[in-house]
N, C-alpha and C. Protein backbone atom coordinates (compact mmCIF):
# COMPACT_ATOMS: atom_id res chain seq x y z
N UNK A 1 180.87 -35.35 -69.94
CA UNK A 1 181.28 -34.05 -69.43
C UNK A 1 182.81 -34.05 -69.34
N UNK A 2 183.45 -32.92 -69.62
CA UNK A 2 184.88 -32.75 -69.55
C UNK A 2 185.25 -32.45 -68.11
N UNK A 3 186.31 -33.22 -67.62
CA UNK A 3 186.79 -32.93 -66.26
C UNK A 3 187.65 -31.78 -66.33
N UNK A 4 187.93 -31.13 -65.14
CA UNK A 4 188.83 -30.07 -65.00
C UNK A 4 190.24 -30.33 -65.57
N UNK A 5 190.72 -31.51 -65.20
CA UNK A 5 192.03 -31.88 -65.65
C UNK A 5 192.13 -32.00 -67.17
N UNK A 6 191.05 -32.52 -67.81
CA UNK A 6 191.11 -32.62 -69.32
C UNK A 6 191.07 -31.19 -69.91
N UNK A 7 190.22 -30.41 -69.34
CA UNK A 7 190.19 -28.98 -69.77
C UNK A 7 191.48 -28.26 -69.59
N UNK A 8 192.17 -28.50 -68.51
CA UNK A 8 193.43 -27.80 -68.18
C UNK A 8 194.45 -28.26 -69.16
N UNK A 9 194.57 -29.61 -69.38
CA UNK A 9 195.54 -30.16 -70.30
C UNK A 9 195.37 -29.66 -71.66
N UNK A 10 194.08 -29.54 -72.13
CA UNK A 10 193.69 -29.04 -73.45
C UNK A 10 194.20 -27.58 -73.62
N UNK A 11 194.06 -26.74 -72.53
CA UNK A 11 194.45 -25.39 -72.60
C UNK A 11 196.03 -25.32 -72.57
N UNK A 12 196.68 -26.17 -71.76
CA UNK A 12 198.20 -26.16 -71.81
C UNK A 12 198.70 -26.54 -73.15
N UNK A 13 198.05 -27.49 -73.86
CA UNK A 13 198.49 -27.85 -75.21
C UNK A 13 198.22 -26.64 -76.19
N UNK A 14 197.12 -25.97 -76.03
CA UNK A 14 196.92 -24.80 -76.86
C UNK A 14 197.96 -23.73 -76.66
N UNK A 15 198.32 -23.51 -75.40
CA UNK A 15 199.32 -22.49 -75.10
C UNK A 15 200.71 -22.92 -75.64
N UNK A 16 200.99 -24.17 -75.57
CA UNK A 16 202.32 -24.67 -75.97
C UNK A 16 202.31 -24.54 -77.55
N UNK A 17 201.24 -24.87 -78.29
CA UNK A 17 201.27 -24.83 -79.72
C UNK A 17 201.38 -23.32 -80.16
N UNK A 18 200.74 -22.36 -79.40
CA UNK A 18 200.87 -21.04 -79.76
C UNK A 18 202.34 -20.47 -79.49
N UNK A 19 202.95 -20.99 -78.45
CA UNK A 19 204.33 -20.54 -78.09
C UNK A 19 205.27 -21.06 -79.22
N UNK A 20 205.13 -22.32 -79.63
CA UNK A 20 205.94 -22.83 -80.68
C UNK A 20 205.82 -22.13 -81.91
N UNK A 21 204.48 -21.72 -82.36
CA UNK A 21 204.32 -21.03 -83.55
C UNK A 21 204.89 -19.66 -83.46
N UNK A 22 204.91 -19.02 -82.34
CA UNK A 22 205.48 -17.79 -82.16
C UNK A 22 207.03 -17.85 -82.31
N UNK A 23 207.61 -18.96 -81.77
CA UNK A 23 209.17 -19.01 -81.69
C UNK A 23 209.54 -19.37 -83.23
N UNK A 24 208.75 -20.12 -83.98
CA UNK A 24 209.10 -20.31 -85.35
C UNK A 24 209.01 -19.12 -86.14
N UNK A 25 207.99 -18.32 -85.93
CA UNK A 25 207.77 -17.02 -86.67
C UNK A 25 209.05 -16.08 -86.36
N UNK A 26 209.40 -16.03 -85.03
CA UNK A 26 210.49 -15.15 -84.63
C UNK A 26 211.80 -15.59 -85.37
N UNK A 27 212.05 -16.83 -85.51
CA UNK A 27 213.27 -17.35 -86.15
C UNK A 27 213.21 -17.04 -87.59
N UNK A 28 212.03 -17.11 -88.20
CA UNK A 28 211.82 -16.92 -89.70
C UNK A 28 212.01 -15.34 -90.00
N UNK A 29 211.49 -14.61 -89.11
CA UNK A 29 211.63 -13.09 -89.36
C UNK A 29 213.13 -12.70 -89.10
N UNK A 30 213.80 -13.31 -88.20
CA UNK A 30 215.21 -12.92 -87.98
C UNK A 30 216.00 -13.25 -89.33
N UNK A 31 215.59 -14.40 -89.99
CA UNK A 31 216.31 -14.73 -91.28
C UNK A 31 216.02 -13.72 -92.28
N UNK A 32 214.72 -13.33 -92.32
CA UNK A 32 214.25 -12.35 -93.39
C UNK A 32 215.04 -10.94 -93.25
N UNK A 33 215.51 -10.64 -92.07
CA UNK A 33 216.22 -9.36 -91.71
C UNK A 33 217.64 -9.44 -92.15
N UNK A 34 218.24 -10.64 -92.43
CA UNK A 34 219.63 -10.76 -92.72
C UNK A 34 219.96 -10.14 -94.01
N UNK A 35 221.24 -9.80 -94.25
CA UNK A 35 221.68 -9.39 -95.59
C UNK A 35 221.48 -10.58 -96.54
N UNK A 36 221.13 -10.07 -97.69
CA UNK A 36 220.85 -11.22 -98.78
C UNK A 36 221.91 -12.20 -98.95
N UNK A 37 223.21 -11.83 -98.79
CA UNK A 37 224.25 -12.75 -98.98
C UNK A 37 224.19 -13.98 -97.90
N UNK A 38 223.62 -13.72 -96.79
CA UNK A 38 223.60 -14.77 -95.76
C UNK A 38 222.33 -15.52 -95.66
N UNK A 39 221.26 -14.89 -96.24
CA UNK A 39 219.85 -15.25 -96.07
C UNK A 39 219.68 -16.79 -96.49
N UNK A 40 220.09 -17.22 -97.57
CA UNK A 40 219.84 -18.57 -98.09
C UNK A 40 220.43 -19.59 -97.20
N UNK A 41 221.71 -19.43 -96.87
CA UNK A 41 222.40 -20.61 -96.04
C UNK A 41 221.70 -20.54 -94.66
N UNK A 42 221.49 -19.43 -94.04
CA UNK A 42 220.85 -19.32 -92.69
C UNK A 42 219.48 -19.79 -92.76
N UNK A 43 218.74 -19.57 -93.72
CA UNK A 43 217.35 -19.98 -93.83
C UNK A 43 217.26 -21.54 -93.89
N UNK A 44 218.16 -22.19 -94.65
CA UNK A 44 218.23 -23.59 -94.77
C UNK A 44 218.54 -24.25 -93.39
N UNK A 45 219.42 -23.70 -92.67
CA UNK A 45 219.80 -24.20 -91.29
C UNK A 45 218.65 -23.92 -90.34
N UNK A 46 218.09 -22.84 -90.36
CA UNK A 46 216.90 -22.60 -89.37
C UNK A 46 215.67 -23.44 -89.74
N UNK A 47 215.33 -23.60 -91.01
CA UNK A 47 214.26 -24.45 -91.40
C UNK A 47 214.49 -25.86 -90.99
N UNK A 48 215.77 -26.30 -91.17
CA UNK A 48 216.06 -27.72 -90.60
C UNK A 48 215.86 -27.85 -89.18
N UNK A 49 216.24 -26.84 -88.44
CA UNK A 49 215.99 -26.86 -86.93
C UNK A 49 214.50 -26.91 -86.63
N UNK A 50 213.76 -26.10 -87.41
CA UNK A 50 212.31 -26.19 -87.13
C UNK A 50 211.55 -27.35 -87.63
N UNK A 51 211.97 -27.72 -88.92
CA UNK A 51 211.07 -28.80 -89.44
C UNK A 51 211.72 -30.11 -89.72
N UNK A 52 213.16 -30.07 -89.57
CA UNK A 52 214.00 -31.27 -89.85
C UNK A 52 213.97 -32.45 -88.96
N UNK A 53 214.62 -33.41 -89.28
CA UNK A 53 214.67 -34.60 -88.44
C UNK A 53 215.82 -34.44 -87.34
N UNK A 54 215.64 -35.23 -86.33
CA UNK A 54 216.56 -35.10 -85.10
C UNK A 54 217.98 -35.23 -85.59
N UNK A 55 218.21 -36.23 -86.49
CA UNK A 55 219.62 -36.48 -86.92
C UNK A 55 220.25 -35.22 -87.68
N UNK A 56 219.37 -34.37 -88.11
CA UNK A 56 219.92 -33.25 -88.78
C UNK A 56 220.20 -31.94 -88.03
N UNK A 57 219.90 -32.15 -86.68
CA UNK A 57 220.05 -30.86 -85.90
C UNK A 57 221.49 -30.46 -85.73
N UNK A 58 222.42 -31.38 -85.46
CA UNK A 58 223.79 -31.04 -85.29
C UNK A 58 224.44 -30.37 -86.60
N UNK A 59 224.14 -30.88 -87.80
CA UNK A 59 224.57 -30.32 -89.03
C UNK A 59 224.01 -28.89 -89.20
N UNK A 60 222.68 -28.75 -88.88
CA UNK A 60 222.11 -27.48 -89.10
C UNK A 60 222.73 -26.39 -88.12
N UNK A 61 222.97 -26.74 -86.92
CA UNK A 61 223.68 -25.83 -85.97
C UNK A 61 225.08 -25.53 -86.55
N UNK A 62 225.83 -26.54 -87.03
CA UNK A 62 227.08 -26.33 -87.55
C UNK A 62 227.02 -25.36 -88.76
N UNK A 63 226.04 -25.54 -89.59
CA UNK A 63 225.86 -24.69 -90.82
C UNK A 63 225.58 -23.31 -90.41
N UNK A 64 224.69 -23.15 -89.38
CA UNK A 64 224.38 -21.81 -88.82
C UNK A 64 225.63 -21.11 -88.37
N UNK A 65 226.39 -21.76 -87.47
CA UNK A 65 227.65 -21.22 -86.93
C UNK A 65 228.66 -20.80 -88.01
N UNK A 66 228.80 -21.60 -89.01
CA UNK A 66 229.64 -21.28 -90.11
C UNK A 66 229.32 -20.18 -90.86
N UNK A 67 227.97 -20.04 -91.14
CA UNK A 67 227.49 -18.92 -91.96
C UNK A 67 227.62 -17.61 -91.16
N UNK A 68 227.41 -17.66 -89.86
CA UNK A 68 227.47 -16.47 -89.07
C UNK A 68 228.78 -16.17 -88.39
N UNK A 69 229.77 -17.04 -88.49
CA UNK A 69 231.03 -16.81 -88.00
C UNK A 69 231.66 -15.47 -88.10
N UNK A 70 231.66 -14.99 -89.33
CA UNK A 70 232.18 -13.61 -89.53
C UNK A 70 231.39 -12.48 -89.11
N UNK A 71 230.20 -12.76 -88.47
CA UNK A 71 229.31 -11.68 -88.02
C UNK A 71 228.93 -12.01 -86.55
N UNK A 72 229.78 -11.70 -85.64
CA UNK A 72 229.50 -11.98 -84.21
C UNK A 72 228.16 -11.47 -83.70
N UNK A 73 227.84 -10.31 -84.14
CA UNK A 73 226.54 -9.65 -83.69
C UNK A 73 225.35 -10.49 -84.17
N UNK A 74 225.45 -10.90 -85.38
CA UNK A 74 224.31 -11.76 -85.91
C UNK A 74 224.29 -13.19 -85.24
N UNK A 75 225.53 -13.72 -85.03
CA UNK A 75 225.56 -14.92 -84.36
C UNK A 75 225.07 -14.93 -83.03
N UNK A 76 225.33 -13.94 -82.22
CA UNK A 76 224.74 -13.85 -80.95
C UNK A 76 223.21 -13.71 -80.92
N UNK A 77 222.65 -12.89 -81.96
CA UNK A 77 221.29 -12.78 -81.99
C UNK A 77 220.57 -14.13 -82.36
N UNK A 78 221.19 -14.96 -83.21
CA UNK A 78 220.58 -16.23 -83.58
C UNK A 78 220.73 -17.19 -82.41
N UNK A 79 221.75 -17.10 -81.67
CA UNK A 79 221.95 -18.01 -80.53
C UNK A 79 220.94 -17.66 -79.37
N UNK A 80 220.33 -16.52 -79.41
CA UNK A 80 219.38 -16.13 -78.41
C UNK A 80 218.02 -16.69 -78.84
N UNK A 81 217.83 -17.05 -80.11
CA UNK A 81 216.50 -17.51 -80.53
C UNK A 81 216.24 -18.91 -79.77
N UNK A 82 214.91 -19.10 -79.46
CA UNK A 82 214.58 -20.26 -78.62
C UNK A 82 214.78 -21.51 -79.44
N UNK A 83 214.57 -21.52 -80.78
CA UNK A 83 214.64 -22.76 -81.63
C UNK A 83 216.19 -23.11 -81.61
N UNK A 84 217.07 -22.22 -81.58
CA UNK A 84 218.55 -22.49 -81.55
C UNK A 84 218.88 -23.06 -80.17
N UNK A 85 218.49 -22.29 -79.24
CA UNK A 85 218.74 -22.74 -77.89
C UNK A 85 218.13 -24.11 -77.61
N UNK A 86 216.98 -24.35 -78.04
CA UNK A 86 216.42 -25.78 -77.87
C UNK A 86 217.10 -26.86 -78.51
N UNK A 87 217.67 -26.53 -79.74
CA UNK A 87 218.55 -27.39 -80.49
C UNK A 87 219.86 -27.74 -79.73
N UNK A 88 220.43 -26.70 -79.18
CA UNK A 88 221.68 -26.90 -78.35
C UNK A 88 221.38 -27.69 -77.17
N UNK A 89 220.30 -27.45 -76.46
CA UNK A 89 219.82 -28.30 -75.28
C UNK A 89 219.70 -29.80 -75.69
N UNK A 90 219.01 -29.92 -76.91
CA UNK A 90 218.79 -31.35 -77.39
C UNK A 90 220.09 -32.06 -77.54
N UNK A 91 221.06 -31.34 -78.01
CA UNK A 91 222.38 -31.95 -78.33
C UNK A 91 223.28 -31.97 -77.01
N UNK A 92 222.82 -31.31 -75.98
CA UNK A 92 223.70 -31.18 -74.73
C UNK A 92 224.77 -30.21 -74.74
N UNK A 93 224.59 -29.18 -75.64
CA UNK A 93 225.65 -28.08 -75.76
C UNK A 93 224.99 -26.85 -75.09
N UNK A 94 225.92 -25.93 -74.95
CA UNK A 94 225.56 -24.58 -74.47
C UNK A 94 226.05 -23.51 -75.21
């Protein structure tokens, strides 16, 4: 028989997985809405943040900033994405 704690932990894991899936989807949709000229470079950076190795996070954030530097409105939008915020927190940046 499953204990309450085991059931609760299972539910929490399901919620966390659903949240992570939603955050990844949000980031990928934001990339799809970019002008074609920016899409490839930004997509590589975002995919690295989502699926890449820990040691690649800094480079991906740098690539993202470089690609979006001439577009402050887009840069601000991407910096509000949870995956970017989490990457900055991981590196101890803000």
